[in-house]
């Protein structure tokens, strides 16, 4: 989800499953003020919900910002028959590690 889409989501419904784990952070004071402003603007959302949504959007933006580095292996062809090369950049490793930790978290949540 993009940061710009959060306002729409905040004005409609909440969503995704949450982990049982909690993460404590100490925000810079200016960010805490912005969070308080958002909390006042969207009284149906808790500060925890807002932080969760903002972090999720930031992680999506971060992932989209990883540079594509053309690998050596052709993995497909585009509509014109030109080769599409594997991504040898950060994205494949990030995706693999994300899947690994997602499976771990799902197993942990399923056993509790």
C-alpha atoms as a PDB file:
ATOM      1  CA  UNK A   1       0.000   0.000   0.000  1.00  0.00           C
ATOM      2  CA  UNK A   2       1.304   3.451  -0.863  1.00  0.00           C
ATOM      3  CA  UNK A   3       1.377   6.179   1.764  1.00  0.00           C
ATOM      4  CA  UNK A   4      -1.099   8.157  -0.336  1.00  0.00           C
ATOM      5  CA  UNK A   5      -3.597   5.296  -0.098  1.00  0.00           C
ATOM      6  CA  UNK A   6      -3.573   5.313   3.697  1.00  0.00           C
ATOM      7  CA  UNK A   7      -6.040   8.177   4.039  1.00  0.00           C
ATOM      8  CA  UNK A   8      -8.570   6.240   1.965  1.00  0.00           C
ATOM      9  CA  UNK A   9      -8.011   3.144   4.076  1.00  0.00           C
ATOM     10  CA  UNK A  10      -8.263   5.109   7.314  1.00  0.00           C
ATOM     11  CA  UNK A  11     -11.570   6.552   6.227  1.00  0.00           C
ATOM     12  CA  UNK A  12     -13.026   3.142   5.403  1.00  0.00           C
ATOM     13  CA  UNK A  13     -12.028  -0.038   7.198  1.00  0.00           C
ATOM     14  CA  UNK A  14      -9.101  -1.651   8.929  1.00  0.00           C
ATOM     15  CA  UNK A  15      -7.548  -4.745   7.806  1.00  0.00           C
ATOM     16  CA  UNK A  16      -4.717  -7.165   7.931  1.00  0.00           C
ATOM     17  CA  UNK A  17      -3.947  -9.852  10.511  1.00  0.00           C
ATOM     18  CA  UNK A  18      -1.542  -8.705  13.202  1.00  0.00           C
ATOM     19  CA  UNK A  19       1.275 -10.577  14.894  1.00  0.00           C
ATOM     20  CA  UNK A  20       1.206 -11.311  18.594  1.00  0.00           C
ATOM     21  CA  UNK A  21       4.594  -9.584  18.912  1.00  0.00           C
ATOM     22  CA  UNK A  22       4.839  -5.953  19.921  1.00  0.00           C
ATOM     23  CA  UNK A  23       7.536  -3.498  18.927  1.00  0.00           C
ATOM     24  CA  UNK A  24       8.372  -0.553  21.159  1.00  0.00           C
ATOM     25  CA  UNK A  25       9.854   2.565  19.571  1.00  0.00           C
ATOM     26  CA  UNK A  26      10.875   5.981  20.824  1.00  0.00           C
ATOM     27  CA  UNK A  27       9.763   8.504  18.215  1.00  0.00           C
ATOM     28  CA  UNK A  28      11.483  11.788  17.521  1.00  0.00           C
ATOM     29  CA  UNK A  29       9.342  14.509  19.111  1.00  0.00           C
ATOM     30  CA  UNK A  30       8.349  16.031  15.769  1.00  0.00           C
ATOM     31  CA  UNK A  31       7.143  12.630  14.528  1.00  0.00           C
ATOM     32  CA  UNK A  32       5.227  12.098  17.774  1.00  0.00           C
ATOM     33  CA  UNK A  33       3.486  15.443  17.184  1.00  0.00           C
ATOM     34  CA  UNK A  34       2.563  14.391  13.646  1.00  0.00           C
ATOM     35  CA  UNK A  35       1.233  11.090  14.979  1.00  0.00           C
ATOM     36  CA  UNK A  36      -0.877  12.939  17.548  1.00  0.00           C
ATOM     37  CA  UNK A  37      -2.228  15.163  14.773  1.00  0.00           C
ATOM     38  CA  UNK A  38      -3.200  12.119  12.708  1.00  0.00           C
ATOM     39  CA  UNK A  39      -4.822  10.547  15.769  1.00  0.00           C
ATOM     40  CA  UNK A  40      -6.917  13.687  16.209  1.00  0.00           C
ATOM     41  CA  UNK A  41      -7.804  13.800  12.497  1.00  0.00           C
ATOM     42  CA  UNK A  42      -8.805  10.115  12.453  1.00  0.00           C
ATOM     43  CA  UNK A  43     -10.308   9.427  15.882  1.00  0.00           C
ATOM     44  CA  UNK A  44     -11.387   5.937  14.809  1.00  0.00           C
ATOM     45  CA  UNK A  45      -7.728   4.926  14.547  1.00  0.00           C
ATOM     46  CA  UNK A  46      -5.471   4.269  17.507  1.00  0.00           C
ATOM     47  CA  UNK A  47      -1.888   5.474  17.515  1.00  0.00           C
ATOM     48  CA  UNK A  48      -0.843   1.829  17.224  1.00  0.00           C
ATOM     49  CA  UNK A  49      -3.025   1.407  14.115  1.00  0.00           C
ATOM     50  CA  UNK A  50      -1.588   4.551  12.559  1.00  0.00           C
ATOM     51  CA  UNK A  51       2.007   3.482  13.265  1.00  0.00           C
ATOM     52  CA  UNK A  52       1.312   0.012  11.871  1.00  0.00           C
ATOM     53  CA  UNK A  53      -0.210   1.403   8.674  1.00  0.00           C
ATOM     54  CA  UNK A  54       2.548   3.974   8.197  1.00  0.00           C
ATOM     55  CA  UNK A  55       5.267   1.395   8.730  1.00  0.00           C
ATOM     56  CA  UNK A  56       3.610  -1.007   6.301  1.00  0.00           C
ATOM     57  CA  UNK A  57       3.375   1.700   3.629  1.00  0.00           C
ATOM     58  CA  UNK A  58       6.986   2.744   4.220  1.00  0.00           C
ATOM     59  CA  UNK A  59       8.176  -0.865   3.870  1.00  0.00           C
ATOM     60  CA  UNK A  60       6.253  -1.204   0.595  1.00  0.00           C
ATOM     61  CA  UNK A  61       7.830   2.026  -0.679  1.00  0.00           C
ATOM     62  CA  UNK A  62      11.262   0.843   0.430  1.00  0.00           C
ATOM     63  CA  UNK A  63      10.836  -2.442  -1.430  1.00  0.00           C
ATOM     64  CA  UNK A  64       9.695  -0.600  -4.566  1.00  0.00           C
ATOM     65  CA  UNK A  65      12.785   1.596  -4.287  1.00  0.00           C
ATOM     66  CA  UNK A  66      15.308  -1.230  -4.404  1.00  0.00           C
ATOM     67  CA  UNK A  67      17.284  -0.841  -7.622  1.00  0.00           C
ATOM     68  CA  UNK A  68      16.899  -3.386 -10.390  1.00  0.00           C
ATOM     69  CA  UNK A  69      20.252  -4.873 -11.338  1.00  0.00           C
ATOM     70  CA  UNK A  70      20.170  -6.947 -14.498  1.00  0.00           C
ATOM     71  CA  UNK A  71      21.383 -10.469 -13.962  1.00  0.00           C
ATOM     72  CA  UNK A  72      22.804 -12.851 -16.534  1.00  0.00           C
ATOM     73  CA  UNK A  73      19.920 -15.321 -16.732  1.00  0.00           C
ATOM     74  CA  UNK A  74      16.973 -14.705 -19.075  1.00  0.00           C
ATOM     75  CA  UNK A  75      13.777 -15.549 -17.181  1.00  0.00           C
ATOM     76  CA  UNK A  76      11.154 -14.546 -19.755  1.00  0.00           C
ATOM     77  CA  UNK A  77      10.461 -12.565 -22.892  1.00  0.00           C
ATOM     78  CA  UNK A  78       8.400  -9.404 -23.218  1.00  0.00           C
ATOM     79  CA  UNK A  79       5.594  -8.878 -25.760  1.00  0.00           C
ATOM     80  CA  UNK A  80       8.106  -8.004 -28.475  1.00  0.00           C
ATOM     81  CA  UNK A  81      10.205 -11.107 -27.830  1.00  0.00           C
ATOM     82  CA  UNK A  82      12.989  -9.216 -26.086  1.00  0.00           C
ATOM     83  CA  UNK A  83      14.653 -10.996 -23.164  1.00  0.00           C
ATOM     84  CA  UNK A  84      13.760 -10.155 -19.575  1.00  0.00           C
ATOM     85  CA  UNK A  85      16.677 -10.780 -17.246  1.00  0.00           C
ATOM     86  CA  UNK A  86      16.586 -11.891 -13.630  1.00  0.00           C
ATOM     87  CA  UNK A  87      16.960  -9.207 -10.987  1.00  0.00           C
ATOM     88  CA  UNK A  88      20.397  -9.586  -9.415  1.00  0.00           C
ATOM     89  CA  UNK A  89      19.778  -6.679  -7.047  1.00  0.00           C
ATOM     90  CA  UNK A  90      18.453  -6.474  -3.520  1.00  0.00           C
ATOM     91  CA  UNK A  91      14.816  -7.319  -4.285  1.00  0.00           C
ATOM     92  CA  UNK A  92      15.127 -11.113  -4.713  1.00  0.00           C
ATOM     93  CA  UNK A  93      17.075 -11.482  -1.467  1.00  0.00           C
ATOM     94  CA  UNK A  94      14.630  -9.234   0.394  1.00  0.00           C
ATOM     95  CA  UNK A  95      11.676 -11.233  -0.971  1.00  0.00           C
ATOM     96  CA  UNK A  96      13.276 -14.567  -0.035  1.00  0.00           C
ATOM     97  CA  UNK A  97      14.045 -13.376   3.494  1.00  0.00           C
ATOM     98  CA  UNK A  98      10.544 -11.950   3.817  1.00  0.00           C
ATOM     99  CA  UNK A  99       9.023 -15.309   2.826  1.00  0.00           C
ATOM    100  CA  UNK A 100      11.281 -17.107   5.307  1.00  0.00           C
ATOM    101  CA  UNK A 101      10.222 -14.866   8.190  1.00  0.00           C
ATOM    102  CA  UNK A 102       6.573 -14.850   7.122  1.00  0.00           C
ATOM    103  CA  UNK A 103       6.510 -18.659   7.280  1.00  0.00           C
ATOM    104  CA  UNK A 104       8.188 -18.560  10.706  1.00  0.00           C
ATOM    105  CA  UNK A 105       5.698 -16.003  12.027  1.00  0.00           C
ATOM    106  CA  UNK A 106       2.722 -17.917  10.605  1.00  0.00           C
ATOM    107  CA  UNK A 107       3.947 -21.162  12.218  1.00  0.00           C
ATOM    108  CA  UNK A 108       4.431 -19.368  15.514  1.00  0.00           C
ATOM    109  CA  UNK A 109       1.000 -17.774  15.369  1.00  0.00           C
ATOM    110  CA  UNK A 110      -0.610 -21.083  14.408  1.00  0.00           C
ATOM    111  CA  UNK A 111       0.911 -22.863  17.385  1.00  0.00           C
ATOM    112  CA  UNK A 112      -0.231 -20.316  19.969  1.00  0.00           C
END
